[in-house]
Amino acid sequence: MPPGAGQARTSKLGFHVGGLQSERALVPLMRSRSRALALALAGALGSAVLSAAAPASALAQPDAPAAPAISAGSGPVSVAVVMPLTVPPTTSGLLNADALTTYTQDGGLLNRQLDAVAGTSAAIGLDPMIVASIRVLGSAAPASALDFLSRLHALPNEMFLLGYADADPALAAVAGTQAELAPLGFDFAIDPADFGPAVTPSATPTPDATADSDAGATTDATPPPDDGTPPPLPSTEDLLAWPTTLPSIAWPSEGTIDAAGLAGLATLGYADTLIGAANTTSTGTALVDLGDIDGLVVDDDITEAVRSAVYAPTETDYQAATITLAAALRSVSITAPGRTLIATLDRRWPFGTARLASVLATIQSQSASQLIPLSAVLGGAKASATLVAPDSDVDAERAATLTALASAARAETSYLQIAEDATVITQPRRLAVLALSAVGWRDDGVGWDAATAGVLADSESTLDAVQVTESSDQLVLSDISSLRLHISNALPVAVTVYVRVQPLRPLLQVENASVEVAIEPDSSATASIPVQSITNGDVTVRAELRNASGQSLGEPRFLKVILQAGWETAGTLIAGGLVFLIFGGGLVRLFLRRRRESAAREPAAQADD
């Protein structure tokens, strides 16, 4: 299922919701570790109950007036505005605490985006990486980030989810990496210490509950008794869950959708895609049927005028841009009265949207135009249209690089069958590939080239991380002996490999064809391979590493073994002879000395006689 399917999940973090609690109501719970966690994850909790209890339209704008009537062929043009809620593209696919603090503090990028869109009719395309980055930190999440998440959840704006890290789904379809468009998980980034005991809300009667049996009850979070059981940790689904009020909508890079990309979006399950007017045949409505998927056509002229006004650097520029916008709207109302239009803001940094509310007010104030929610376009009239391919295959090189990134990640996954816990490497690598698929990288070719080269180099390093180290020639002086091979492991996880040794000449017999070796992270170990000499001589031995399935790992090593088995017998004889000579010589010397002493005593004895 693509992002933004409009399904909200109940979190599995040990919290039980006994009523409708918004994240803003949970702010005081930040004082304890477990209560801070409750705040960080409330978007997946209370929102799930809300979405189950009320229709999507009620969840999106509970107090909003009905959408303006749309009458094709007469009246003002109807304009829906869509804004992305994203951050500058990353290389990791996850925001750390420092980055979240910078983005969500007063004046921070995310805070400014939220301030700009709050209270407007603009639809939001939300990058789920932002939500996951906050939730994965648990109680260690910055207070400003938790407050941002609470405010985001409270927004009445219509919302859909972008691809994770704002990955371009159309580019992935062309690159053949659709299977890599979802995170593998976040276990590597979760610190259990940041997730306290589960909190179970319990109903507490209000002071006058005894007087009135129908009186309401408040819900207080009561920590359960500590029975020593580790608290449950969030799953991938828990971290990514977010309520949406719009169907799944793809938002690829502007003007890049070709036939392969469009077919890929349909295969991924998207119901609609935002697409530039130049990318389709002309039509009189913003919603068009492109075959297997519907297109939400972005009007190029109105979008350019809206962006010029929203991002105007000075008041003079803003005034000029609003005049241009009003003129463009009047022109459309004359040529196509009652037409629906879509205008979008782009992924742009630095992001200045302080004028968004004023621009939307300008559109609404014109007699030639009115603002409508994006859902009104989706529920309105639909025309037939066909895809117009881009003038040039602008993303062919990017797609090829993305294919290489995904292939390298798959090779790592296969290689890491030897690892005790491969997710330490595979999970962050998937996030990195997603991050480098972001729409925002398209405007930074130099930075993207450097970032992708770095990830490819890291993948290559992984495939060379466990290997037989270089060694000098080995001398074998006995018929039965062993070869000792040193194996290094540069990975941050423990591995188990199998050493296979093959002599290239029949001078040496290997007793055990495969020897298992376990190696700790960032360390080395020695493998001892039993061998038997057949005859003396020199032999080259081929040594390689394999996994449990018998697949080769890396390049083999070749070492020279010198066989001098006869030296063992000769050495024994020589040593024995030396021992005999030493002890025999000593006995002879002792015998001769005593004979001399005896001979010297005999004349003295005769003289006495």
Foldseek 3Di string as FASTA:
>chain_A
DAFFQQAAAAFPQQEDDPDQDFLVNLLVLLPDLQSQLCLLQVQRHNVNVVVVVDPLLCQQCVPDDDFDDFDWPAFFAAEAEEEEQADFFDLFLADEQVRLCQQQPVVHQNVQVLVLCAPDQHEYAYALRLSLNQNLQRSNHDSSSSVSVRSVSPGSYAYTYAFHLQFAQLLCLVLVNNVLRAFPWCVLSHDLVSHDARWYWDWDADPCCVVPVPDDTDTDTDGDDCPPDRGDDTTRCSSRGHGGSDRAEYEHAAQQHDPSSVVSCLVSPGQEYEYEPVFKDDDQAQWAPADSHIYRYADPQLQVLLQQLQPPPDPVSNVVSLVSNLVVSQVCCVVINSYYHYHYDDPDPPDGRNCNVVSQVSQCPHRNYHYGHPVCRVPDDYYYMYTDHHPDNVCPVVSNLLSLLVVLLVVLVVLCVFFPDSCNPSRSSSSSSSSLSHNSCVVPVPVSVVSSVVSSVVSVCSLVQKWWDDDAEAEAAAQKAKDKIKIFGAAQTKGKKWKAKDWPDPQKAWPDRIDIDIDGHGGMDMDITIMGGPDFDKIKMWMFIAHPVRHTGDDIDIHIYGYNNVCVVVVVVVVVVVVCCVVVVVVVVVVVVVVVVVVVVVVVVVVVD
